[in-house]
Structures are given as structure tokens and as C-alpha cells.
Amino acid sequence: LVILFHLFGGHVLRFSDLERAIPGISQKMLIQQLRQMEKDGIVHRI
């Protein structure tokens, strides 16, 4: 949900920008969550 709220409104963010914007999330966890959301059709990876 935190990732979603950062991307709402048409925002396109680099991985490093998301990582900085979400304090407390590990790189591994961010990768896992983004991959799952991509697999589910919620997030597009460019």
C-alpha cells in the first residue's frame, strides 16, 4: 500500500527513488513487493 500511494497520480519512479521514499524497507523486500505487484498486473516495470 505504501508503494501504491507513492505511485498514484501517474508518478513514474526509479527503484532508487522508491527506496529513498520508503524508510525502513530493505532493498530485498522492495524488490519482492514490486515483482509481486508486477506479476499481479498492478505495477509496470520499465
All heavy atoms as atom14 arrays in JSON, in Angstrom:
{
  "sequence": "LVILFHLFGGHVLRFSDLERAIPGISQKMLIQQLRQMEKDGIVHRI",
  "atom14_mask": [
    [1, 1, 1, 1, 1, 1, 1, 1, 0, 0, 0, 0, 0, 0],
    [1, 1, 1, 1, 1, 1, 1, 0, 0, 0, 0, 0, 0, 0],
    [1, 1, 1, 1, 1, 1, 1, 1, 0, 0, 0, 0, 0, 0],
    [1, 1, 1, 1, 1, 1, 1, 1, 0, 0, 0, 0, 0, 0],
    [1, 1, 1, 1, 1, 1, 1, 1, 1, 1, 1, 0, 0, 0],
    [1, 1, 1, 1, 1, 1, 1, 1, 1, 1, 0, 0, 0, 0],
    [1, 1, 1, 1, 1, 1, 1, 1, 0, 0, 0, 0, 0, 0],
    [1, 1, 1, 1, 1, 1, 1, 1, 1, 1, 1, 0, 0, 0],
    [1, 1, 1, 1, 0, 0, 0, 0, 0, 0, 0, 0, 0, 0],
    [1, 1, 1, 1, 0, 0, 0, 0, 0, 0, 0, 0, 0, 0],
    [1, 1, 1, 1, 1, 1, 1, 1, 1, 1, 0, 0, 0, 0],
    [1, 1, 1, 1, 1, 1, 1, 0, 0, 0, 0, 0, 0, 0],
    [1, 1, 1, 1, 1, 1, 1, 1, 0, 0, 0, 0, 0, 0],
    [1, 1, 1, 1, 1, 1, 1, 1, 1, 1, 1, 0, 0, 0],
    [1, 1, 1, 1, 1, 1, 1, 1, 1, 1, 1, 0, 0, 0],
    [1, 1, 1, 1, 1, 1, 0, 0, 0, 0, 0, 0, 0, 0],
    [1, 1, 1, 1, 1, 1, 1, 1, 0, 0, 0, 0, 0, 0],
    [1, 1, 1, 1, 1, 1, 1, 1, 0, 0, 0, 0, 0, 0],
    [1, 1, 1, 1, 1, 1, 1, 1, 1, 0, 0, 0, 0, 0],
    [1, 1, 1, 1, 1, 1, 1, 1, 1, 1, 1, 0, 0, 0],
    [1, 1, 1, 1, 1, 0, 0, 0, 0, 0, 0, 0, 0, 0],
    [1, 1, 1, 1, 1, 1, 1, 1, 0, 0, 0, 0, 0, 0],
    [1, 1, 1, 1, 1, 1, 1, 0, 0, 0, 0, 0, 0, 0],
    [1, 1, 1, 1, 0, 0, 0, 0, 0, 0, 0, 0, 0, 0],
    [1, 1, 1, 1, 1, 1, 1, 1, 0, 0, 0, 0, 0, 0],
    [1, 1, 1, 1, 1, 1, 0, 0, 0, 0, 0, 0, 0, 0],
    [1, 1, 1, 1, 1, 1, 1, 1, 1, 0, 0, 0, 0, 0],
    [1, 1, 1, 1, 1, 1, 1, 1, 1, 0, 0, 0, 0, 0],
    [1, 1, 1, 1, 1, 1, 1, 1, 0, 0, 0, 0, 0, 0],
    [1, 1, 1, 1, 1, 1, 1, 1, 0, 0, 0, 0, 0, 0],
    [1, 1, 1, 1, 1, 1, 1, 1, 0, 0, 0, 0, 0, 0],
    [1, 1, 1, 1, 1, 1, 1, 1, 1, 0, 0, 0, 0, 0],
    [1, 1, 1, 1, 1, 1, 1, 1, 1, 0, 0, 0, 0, 0],
    [1, 1, 1, 1, 1, 1, 1, 1, 0, 0, 0, 0, 0, 0],
    [1, 1, 1, 1, 1, 1, 1, 1, 1, 1, 1, 0, 0, 0],
    [1, 1, 1, 1, 1, 1, 1, 1, 1, 0, 0, 0, 0, 0],
    [1, 1, 1, 1, 1, 1, 1, 1, 0, 0, 0, 0, 0, 0],
    [1, 1, 1, 1, 1, 1, 1, 1, 1, 0, 0, 0, 0, 0],
    [1, 1, 1, 1, 1, 1, 1, 1, 1, 0, 0, 0, 0, 0],
    [1, 1, 1, 1, 1, 1, 1, 1, 0, 0, 0, 0, 0, 0],
    [1, 1, 1, 1, 0, 0, 0, 0, 0, 0, 0, 0, 0, 0],
    [1, 1, 1, 1, 1, 1, 1, 1, 0, 0, 0, 0, 0, 0],
    [1, 1, 1, 1, 1, 1, 1, 0, 0, 0, 0, 0, 0, 0],
    [1, 1, 1, 1, 1, 1, 1, 1, 1, 1, 0, 0, 0, 0],
    [1, 1, 1, 1, 1, 1, 1, 1, 1, 1, 1, 0, 0, 0],
    [1, 1, 1, 1, 1, 1, 1, 1, 0, 0, 0, 0, 0, 0]
  ],
  "atom14_positions": [
    [[0.83, -1.21, 0.0], [0.0, 0.0, 0.0], [0.86, 1.26, 0.0], [0.54, 2.24, -0.68], [-0.96, 0.0, 1.19], [-2.09, -1.03, 1.09], [-2.85, -1.11, 2.4], [-3.02, -0.72, -0.06], [0.0, 0.0, 0.0], [0.0, 0.0, 0.0], [0.0, 0.0, 0.0], [0.0, 0.0, 0.0], [0.0, 0.0, 0.0], [0.0, 0.0, 0.0]],
    [[1.97, 1.22, 0.72], [2.88, 2.38, 0.73], [3.43, 2.62, -0.67], [3.46, 3.76, -1.15], [4.02, 2.17, 1.75], [5.02, 3.32, 1.7], [3.48, 1.99, 3.15], [0.0, 0.0, 0.0], [0.0, 0.0, 0.0], [0.0, 0.0, 0.0], [0.0, 0.0, 0.0], [0.0, 0.0, 0.0], [0.0, 0.0, 0.0], [0.0, 0.0, 0.0]],
    [[3.83, 1.55, -1.34], [4.33, 1.66, -2.71], [3.24, 2.23, -3.61], [3.48, 3.14, -4.41], [4.81, 0.29, -3.22], [6.04, -0.18, -2.44], [5.1, 0.34, -4.72], [6.4, -1.64, -2.65], [0.0, 0.0, 0.0], [0.0, 0.0, 0.0], [0.0, 0.0, 0.0], [0.0, 0.0, 0.0], [0.0, 0.0, 0.0], [0.0, 0.0, 0.0]],
    [[2.02, 1.7, -3.49], [0.9, 2.2, -4.3], [0.7, 3.69, -4.14], [0.56, 4.42, -5.11], [-0.4, 1.49, -3.9], [-0.7, 0.15, -4.53], [-1.91, -0.48, -3.87], [-0.92, 0.3, -6.02], [0.0, 0.0, 0.0], [0.0, 0.0, 0.0], [0.0, 0.0, 0.0], [0.0, 0.0, 0.0], [0.0, 0.0, 0.0], [0.0, 0.0, 0.0]],
    [[0.7, 4.16, -2.89], [0.44, 5.58, -2.65], [1.56, 6.47, -3.2], [1.31, 7.61, -3.57], [0.16, 5.85, -1.16], [-1.26, 5.52, -0.79], [-1.57, 4.33, -0.16], [-2.29, 6.39, -1.1], [-2.89, 4.01, 0.16], [-3.6, 6.09, -0.78], [-3.9, 4.9, -0.14], [0.0, 0.0, 0.0], [0.0, 0.0, 0.0], [0.0, 0.0, 0.0]],
    [[2.76, 5.93, -3.29], [3.85, 6.7, -3.91], [3.69, 6.77, -5.42], [4.17, 7.72, -6.04], [5.21, 6.1, -3.55], [5.7, 6.52, -2.2], [6.21, 7.77, -1.94], [5.73, 5.85, -1.02], [6.53, 7.85, -0.67], [6.25, 6.71, -0.08], [0.0, 0.0, 0.0], [0.0, 0.0, 0.0], [0.0, 0.0, 0.0], [0.0, 0.0, 0.0]],
    [[3.04, 5.78, -6.01], [2.91, 5.73, -7.47], [1.58, 6.28, -7.99], [1.45, 6.51, -9.2], [3.1, 4.28, -7.97], [4.48, 3.68, -7.75], [4.5, 2.21, -8.16], [5.54, 4.47, -8.5], [0.0, 0.0, 0.0], [0.0, 0.0, 0.0], [0.0, 0.0, 0.0], [0.0, 0.0, 0.0], [0.0, 0.0, 0.0], [0.0, 0.0, 0.0]],
    [[0.6, 6.49, -7.1], [-0.68, 7.05, -7.54], [-0.47, 8.4, -8.21], [0.49, 9.12, -7.92], [-1.66, 7.22, -6.38], [-2.39, 5.96, -6.0], [-2.69, 5.69, -4.69], [-2.78, 5.04, -6.96], [-3.37, 4.54, -4.33], [-3.45, 3.88, -6.62], [-3.75, 3.63, -5.29], [0.0, 0.0, 0.0], [0.0, 0.0, 0.0], [0.0, 0.0, 0.0]],
    [[-1.36, 8.75, -9.09], [-1.31, 10.05, -9.75], [-0.39, 10.06, -10.96], [0.02, 11.11, -11.42], [0.0, 0.0, 0.0], [0.0, 0.0, 0.0], [0.0, 0.0, 0.0], [0.0, 0.0, 0.0], [0.0, 0.0, 0.0], [0.0, 0.0, 0.0], [0.0, 0.0, 0.0], [0.0, 0.0, 0.0], [0.0, 0.0, 0.0], [0.0, 0.0, 0.0]],
    [[-0.07, 8.88, -11.46], [0.75, 8.81, -12.66], [2.24, 8.97, -12.42], [3.0, 9.15, -13.37], [0.0, 0.0, 0.0], [0.0, 0.0, 0.0], [0.0, 0.0, 0.0], [0.0, 0.0, 0.0], [0.0, 0.0, 0.0], [0.0, 0.0, 0.0], [0.0, 0.0, 0.0], [0.0, 0.0, 0.0], [0.0, 0.0, 0.0], [0.0, 0.0, 0.0]],
    [[2.67, 8.9, -11.17], [4.1, 9.04, -10.88], [4.87, 7.86, -11.45], [4.45, 6.71, -11.36], [4.35, 9.12, -9.38], [3.84, 10.38, -8.77], [2.78, 10.4, -7.9], [4.22, 11.66, -8.94], [2.55, 11.65, -7.55], [3.4, 12.44, -8.17], [0.0, 0.0, 0.0], [0.0, 0.0, 0.0], [0.0, 0.0, 0.0], [0.0, 0.0, 0.0]],
    [[6.0, 8.16, -12.04], [6.95, 7.16, -12.53], [8.21, 7.36, -11.7], [8.82, 8.43, -11.73], [7.24, 7.36, -14.03], [8.26, 6.33, -14.5], [5.97, 7.28, -14.85], [0.0, 0.0, 0.0], [0.0, 0.0, 0.0], [0.0, 0.0, 0.0], [0.0, 0.0, 0.0], [0.0, 0.0, 0.0], [0.0, 0.0, 0.0], [0.0, 0.0, 0.0]],
    [[8.56, 6.32, -10.94], [9.7, 6.46, -10.03], [10.74, 5.39, -10.3], [10.41, 4.23, -10.57], [9.24, 6.35, -8.57], [8.32, 7.44, -8.06], [7.87, 7.13, -6.64], [9.01, 8.79, -8.11], [0.0, 0.0, 0.0], [0.0, 0.0, 0.0], [0.0, 0.0, 0.0], [0.0, 0.0, 0.0], [0.0, 0.0, 0.0], [0.0, 0.0, 0.0]],
    [[11.99, 5.81, -10.21], [13.09, 4.86, -10.3], [13.12, 4.03, -9.03], [12.63, 4.45, -7.97], [14.42, 5.61, -10.45], [14.53, 6.35, -11.76], [15.84, 7.04, -11.88], [16.91, 6.03, -12.04], [18.13, 6.3, -12.47], [18.46, 7.54, -12.75], [19.02, 5.36, -12.58], [0.0, 0.0, 0.0], [0.0, 0.0, 0.0], [0.0, 0.0, 0.0]],
    [[13.71, 2.86, -9.14], [13.83, 1.97, -7.98], [14.48, 2.71, -6.81], [14.0, 2.67, -5.68], [14.63, 0.72, -8.34], [14.79, -0.23, -7.19], [13.81, -1.15, -6.9], [15.92, -0.17, -6.38], [13.94, -2.01, -5.82], [16.07, -1.02, -5.31], [15.07, -1.95, -5.03], [0.0, 0.0, 0.0], [0.0, 0.0, 0.0], [0.0, 0.0, 0.0]],
    [[15.57, 3.42, -7.09], [16.3, 4.12, -6.02], [15.43, 5.22, -5.39], [15.55, 5.48, -4.19], [17.61, 4.7, -6.55], [17.36, 5.58, -7.63], [0.0, 0.0, 0.0], [0.0, 0.0, 0.0], [0.0, 0.0, 0.0], [0.0, 0.0, 0.0], [0.0, 0.0, 0.0], [0.0, 0.0, 0.0], [0.0, 0.0, 0.0], [0.0, 0.0, 0.0]],
    [[14.57, 5.85, -6.18], [13.67, 6.88, -5.63], [12.66, 6.26, -4.68], [12.36, 6.81, -3.61], [12.94, 7.62, -6.75], [13.87, 8.45, -7.61], [14.93, 8.89, -7.1], [13.54, 8.67, -8.8], [0.0, 0.0, 0.0], [0.0, 0.0, 0.0], [0.0, 0.0, 0.0], [0.0, 0.0, 0.0], [0.0, 0.0, 0.0], [0.0, 0.0, 0.0]],
    [[12.12, 5.11, -5.05], [11.19, 4.4, -4.17], [11.89, 3.97, -2.89], [11.33, 4.11, -1.8], [10.61, 3.17, -4.87], [9.42, 3.4, -5.78], [9.12, 2.16, -6.61], [8.19, 3.82, -4.99], [0.0, 0.0, 0.0], [0.0, 0.0, 0.0], [0.0, 0.0, 0.0], [0.0, 0.0, 0.0], [0.0, 0.0, 0.0], [0.0, 0.0, 0.0]],
    [[13.09, 3.48, -3.04], [13.86, 3.03, -1.88], [14.09, 4.17, -0.9], [13.93, 4.01, 0.31], [15.19, 2.45, -2.37], [15.92, 1.62, -1.37], [17.15, 0.96, -1.98], [17.68, 1.46, -3.0], [17.59, -0.05, -1.41], [0.0, 0.0, 0.0], [0.0, 0.0, 0.0], [0.0, 0.0, 0.0], [0.0, 0.0, 0.0], [0.0, 0.0, 0.0]],
    [[14.43, 5.35, -1.41], [14.64, 6.52, -0.55], [13.33, 7.03, 0.05], [13.3, 7.54, 1.17], [15.31, 7.64, -1.33], [16.8, 7.52, -1.43], [17.45, 8.81, -1.96], [17.02, 9.15, -3.31], [17.55, 8.66, -4.43], [18.54, 7.79, -4.35], [17.11, 9.04, -5.61], [0.0, 0.0, 0.0], [0.0, 0.0, 0.0], [0.0, 0.0, 0.0]],
    [[12.24, 6.92, -0.71], [10.95, 7.46, -0.27], [10.28, 6.61, 0.81], [9.39, 7.09, 1.5], [10.01, 7.58, -1.47], [0.0, 0.0, 0.0], [0.0, 0.0, 0.0], [0.0, 0.0, 0.0], [0.0, 0.0, 0.0], [0.0, 0.0, 0.0], [0.0, 0.0, 0.0], [0.0, 0.0, 0.0], [0.0, 0.0, 0.0], [0.0, 0.0, 0.0]],
    [[10.73, 5.36, 0.95], [10.09, 4.45, 1.91], [11.12, 4.02, 2.95], [11.77, 2.99, 2.81], [9.49, 3.22, 1.18], [8.56, 3.66, 0.06], [8.75, 2.33, 2.18], [8.09, 2.54, -0.84], [0.0, 0.0, 0.0], [0.0, 0.0, 0.0], [0.0, 0.0, 0.0], [0.0, 0.0, 0.0], [0.0, 0.0, 0.0], [0.0, 0.0, 0.0]],
    [[11.27, 4.81, 3.99], [12.25, 4.46, 5.02], [11.85, 3.16, 5.71], [10.68, 2.91, 5.94], [12.21, 5.63, 6.0], [11.14, 6.54, 5.56], [10.55, 6.03, 4.29], [0.0, 0.0, 0.0], [0.0, 0.0, 0.0], [0.0, 0.0, 0.0], [0.0, 0.0, 0.0], [0.0, 0.0, 0.0], [0.0, 0.0, 0.0], [0.0, 0.0, 0.0]],
    [[12.83, 2.35, 5.99], [12.56, 1.11, 6.72], [12.41, -0.11, 5.83], [12.43, -1.23, 6.33], [0.0, 0.0, 0.0], [0.0, 0.0, 0.0], [0.0, 0.0, 0.0], [0.0, 0.0, 0.0], [0.0, 0.0, 0.0], [0.0, 0.0, 0.0], [0.0, 0.0, 0.0], [0.0, 0.0, 0.0], [0.0, 0.0, 0.0], [0.0, 0.0, 0.0]],
    [[12.22, 0.06, 4.54], [12.09, -1.09, 3.66], [13.48, -1.5, 3.18], [14.3, -0.66, 2.83], [11.14, -0.8, 2.47], [10.8, -2.1, 1.72], [11.73, 0.24, 1.53], [9.69, -1.97, 0.71], [0.0, 0.0, 0.0], [0.0, 0.0, 0.0], [0.0, 0.0, 0.0], [0.0, 0.0, 0.0], [0.0, 0.0, 0.0], [0.0, 0.0, 0.0]],
    [[13.72, -2.8, 3.21], [15.01, -3.28, 2.7], [14.94, -3.38, 1.18], [13.85, -3.47, 0.59], [15.33, -4.66, 3.29], [14.43, -5.63, 2.79], [0.0, 0.0, 0.0], [0.0, 0.0, 0.0], [0.0, 0.0, 0.0], [0.0, 0.0, 0.0], [0.0, 0.0, 0.0], [0.0, 0.0, 0.0], [0.0, 0.0, 0.0], [0.0, 0.0, 0.0]],
    [[16.09, -3.37, 0.56], [16.15, -3.48, -0.89], [15.51, -4.8, -1.35], [14.74, -4.83, -2.31], [17.61, -3.41, -1.34], [17.76, -3.29, -2.84], [19.21, -3.12, -3.23], [20.03, -4.02, -2.98], [19.55, -1.99, -3.82], [0.0, 0.0, 0.0], [0.0, 0.0, 0.0], [0.0, 0.0, 0.0], [0.0, 0.0, 0.0], [0.0, 0.0, 0.0]],
    [[15.8, -5.86, -0.62], [15.24, -7.19, -0.95], [13.72, -7.17, -0.89], [13.04, -7.69, -1.78], [15.8, -8.23, 0.02], [15.26, -9.62, -0.2], [15.79, -10.59, 0.84], [15.13, -11.94, 0.67], [15.5, -12.88, 1.72], [0.0, 0.0, 0.0], [0.0, 0.0, 0.0], [0.0, 0.0, 0.0], [0.0, 0.0, 0.0], [0.0, 0.0, 0.0]],
    [[13.16, -6.58, 0.16], [11.71, -6.53, 0.32], [11.06, -5.68, -0.75], [10.01, -6.03, -1.29], [11.35, -6.01, 1.72], [9.86, -6.0, 1.99], [9.03, -7.6, 1.79], [9.78, -8.55, 3.09], [0.0, 0.0, 0.0], [0.0, 0.0, 0.0], [0.0, 0.0, 0.0], [0.0, 0.0, 0.0], [0.0, 0.0, 0.0], [0.0, 0.0, 0.0]],
    [[11.68, -4.54, -1.09], [11.14, -3.68, -2.13], [11.11, -4.42, -3.46], [10.11, -4.38, -4.19], [11.97, -2.39, -2.25], [11.49, -1.38, -3.29], [10.04, -0.96, -3.05], [12.41, -0.16, -3.31], [0.0, 0.0, 0.0], [0.0, 0.0, 0.0], [0.0, 0.0, 0.0], [0.0, 0.0, 0.0], [0.0, 0.0, 0.0], [0.0, 0.0, 0.0]],
    [[12.18, -5.14, -3.76], [12.23, -5.93, -4.99], [11.12, -6.98, -4.99], [10.4, -7.14, -5.98], [13.62, -6.6, -5.16], [14.68, -5.55, -5.46], [13.59, -7.67, -6.24], [16.1, -6.07, -5.36], [0.0, 0.0, 0.0], [0.0, 0.0, 0.0], [0.0, 0.0, 0.0], [0.0, 0.0, 0.0], [0.0, 0.0, 0.0], [0.0, 0.0, 0.0]],
    [[10.96, -7.69, -3.88], [9.93, -8.73, -3.8], [8.53, -8.17, -3.99], [7.72, -8.71, -4.74], [10.0, -9.46, -2.45], [11.16, -10.39, -2.31], [11.24, -11.0, -0.91], [10.55, -10.58, 0.03], [12.1, -12.0, -0.77], [0.0, 0.0, 0.0], [0.0, 0.0, 0.0], [0.0, 0.0, 0.0], [0.0, 0.0, 0.0], [0.0, 0.0, 0.0]],
    [[8.25, -7.06, -3.3], [6.91, -6.47, -3.38], [6.62, -5.95, -4.79], [5.54, -6.16, -5.32], [6.76, -5.34, -2.36], [6.94, -5.76, -0.92], [5.73, -6.46, -0.33], [4.83, -5.83, 0.19], [5.71, -7.78, -0.42], [0.0, 0.0, 0.0], [0.0, 0.0, 0.0], [0.0, 0.0, 0.0], [0.0, 0.0, 0.0], [0.0, 0.0, 0.0]],
    [[7.61, -5.29, -5.4], [7.42, -4.77, -6.76], [7.24, -5.91, -7.77], [6.4, -5.83, -8.65], [8.61, -3.89, -7.16], [8.63, -2.51, -6.51], [9.99, -1.85, -6.71], [7.52, -1.62, -7.04], [0.0, 0.0, 0.0], [0.0, 0.0, 0.0], [0.0, 0.0, 0.0], [0.0, 0.0, 0.0], [0.0, 0.0, 0.0], [0.0, 0.0, 0.0]],
    [[8.02, -6.98, -7.62], [7.88, -8.13, -8.53], [6.49, -8.75, -8.41], [5.88, -9.12, -9.42], [8.95, -9.17, -8.25], [10.29, -8.79, -8.81], [11.29, -9.91, -8.66], [12.59, -9.49, -9.2], [13.74, -9.99, -8.83], [13.79, -10.94, -7.93], [14.86, -9.55, -9.37], [0.0, 0.0, 0.0], [0.0, 0.0, 0.0], [0.0, 0.0, 0.0]],
    [[6.01, -8.9, -7.18], [4.68, -9.48, -6.98], [3.6, -8.58, -7.58], [2.67, -9.05, -8.22], [4.42, -9.72, -5.49], [3.12, -10.45, -5.22], [3.1, -11.85, -5.8], [4.0, -12.64, -5.56], [2.09, -12.17, -6.57], [0.0, 0.0, 0.0], [0.0, 0.0, 0.0], [0.0, 0.0, 0.0], [0.0, 0.0, 0.0], [0.0, 0.0, 0.0]],
    [[3.73, -7.28, -7.36], [2.75, -6.34, -7.9], [2.81, -6.3, -9.43], [1.78, -6.16, -10.08], [2.98, -4.95, -7.3], [2.68, -4.89, -5.82], [3.24, -3.37, -5.03], [1.98, -2.24, -5.56], [0.0, 0.0, 0.0], [0.0, 0.0, 0.0], [0.0, 0.0, 0.0], [0.0, 0.0, 0.0], [0.0, 0.0, 0.0], [0.0, 0.0, 0.0]],
    [[3.99, -6.48, -9.98], [4.12, -6.56, -11.44], [3.45, -7.83, -11.95], [2.7, -7.8, -12.93], [5.6, -6.53, -11.84], [5.81, -6.57, -13.34], [7.28, -6.63, -13.73], [8.14, -6.91, -12.86], [7.56, -6.41, -14.92], [0.0, 0.0, 0.0], [0.0, 0.0, 0.0], [0.0, 0.0, 0.0], [0.0, 0.0, 0.0], [0.0, 0.0, 0.0]],
    [[3.7, -8.95, -11.28], [3.09, -10.23, -11.65], [1.57, -10.15, -11.59], [0.87, -10.72, -12.43], [3.62, -11.33, -10.72], [3.07, -12.7, -11.0], [3.69, -13.71, -10.02], [2.83, -14.93, -9.96], [2.15, -15.12, -8.71], [0.0, 0.0, 0.0], [0.0, 0.0, 0.0], [0.0, 0.0, 0.0], [0.0, 0.0, 0.0], [0.0, 0.0, 0.0]],
    [[1.06, -9.42, -10.6], [-0.39, -9.28, -10.41], [-1.02, -8.25, -11.35], [-2.23, -8.06, -11.34], [-0.71, -8.92, -8.96], [-0.4, -10.05, -7.99], [-0.38, -11.23, -8.43], [-0.19, -9.77, -6.8], [0.0, 0.0, 0.0], [0.0, 0.0, 0.0], [0.0, 0.0, 0.0], [0.0, 0.0, 0.0], [0.0, 0.0, 0.0], [0.0, 0.0, 0.0]],
    [[-0.2, -7.54, -12.12], [-0.73, -6.58, -13.09], [-1.03, -5.21, -12.51], [-1.71, -4.41, -13.15], [0.0, 0.0, 0.0], [0.0, 0.0, 0.0], [0.0, 0.0, 0.0], [0.0, 0.0, 0.0], [0.0, 0.0, 0.0], [0.0, 0.0, 0.0], [0.0, 0.0, 0.0], [0.0, 0.0, 0.0], [0.0, 0.0, 0.0], [0.0, 0.0, 0.0]],
    [[-0.49, -4.92, -11.33], [-0.75, -3.64, -10.68], [0.32, -2.61, -11.05], [0.03, -1.43, -11.23], [-0.81, -3.82, -9.14], [-2.0, -4.73, -8.79], [-0.91, -2.49, -8.42], [-2.01, -5.19, -7.35], [0.0, 0.0, 0.0], [0.0, 0.0, 0.0], [0.0, 0.0, 0.0], [0.0, 0.0, 0.0], [0.0, 0.0, 0.0], [0.0, 0.0, 0.0]],
    [[1.56, -3.08, -11.18], [2.7, -2.21, -11.45], [3.32, -2.59, -12.79], [3.36, -3.76, -13.16], [3.74, -2.35, -10.31], [5.07, -1.72, -10.68], [3.23, -1.72, -9.04], [0.0, 0.0, 0.0], [0.0, 0.0, 0.0], [0.0, 0.0, 0.0], [0.0, 0.0, 0.0], [0.0, 0.0, 0.0], [0.0, 0.0, 0.0], [0.0, 0.0, 0.0]],
    [[3.79, -1.58, -13.5], [4.51, -1.78, -14.76], [5.97, -1.44, -14.53], [6.28, -0.4, -13.96], [3.91, -0.9, -15.86], [4.59, -1.04, -17.17], [4.56, -2.2, -17.9], [5.34, -0.17, -17.88], [5.26, -2.03, -19.01], [5.75, -0.8, -19.01], [0.0, 0.0, 0.0], [0.0, 0.0, 0.0], [0.0, 0.0, 0.0], [0.0, 0.0, 0.0]],
    [[6.84, -2.32, -14.96], [8.29, -2.13, -14.81], [8.86, -1.71, -16.16], [8.66, -2.39, -17.17], [8.93, -3.44, -14.36], [10.4, -3.38, -14.11], [10.85, -4.73, -13.52], [12.23, -4.68, -13.11], [13.21, -5.29, -13.75], [12.96, -6.0, -14.84], [14.44, -5.19, -13.31], [0.0, 0.0, 0.0], [0.0, 0.0, 0.0], [0.0, 0.0, 0.0]],
    [[9.58, -0.6, -16.16], [10.18, -0.07, -17.38], [11.69, -0.18, -17.25], [12.29, 0.44, -16.36], [9.78, 1.4, -17.6], [8.27, 1.55, -17.57], [10.37, 1.92, -18.9], [7.8, 2.96, -17.29], [0.0, 0.0, 0.0], [0.0, 0.0, 0.0], [0.0, 0.0, 0.0], [0.0, 0.0, 0.0], [0.0, 0.0, 0.0], [0.0, 0.0, 0.0]]
  ]
}
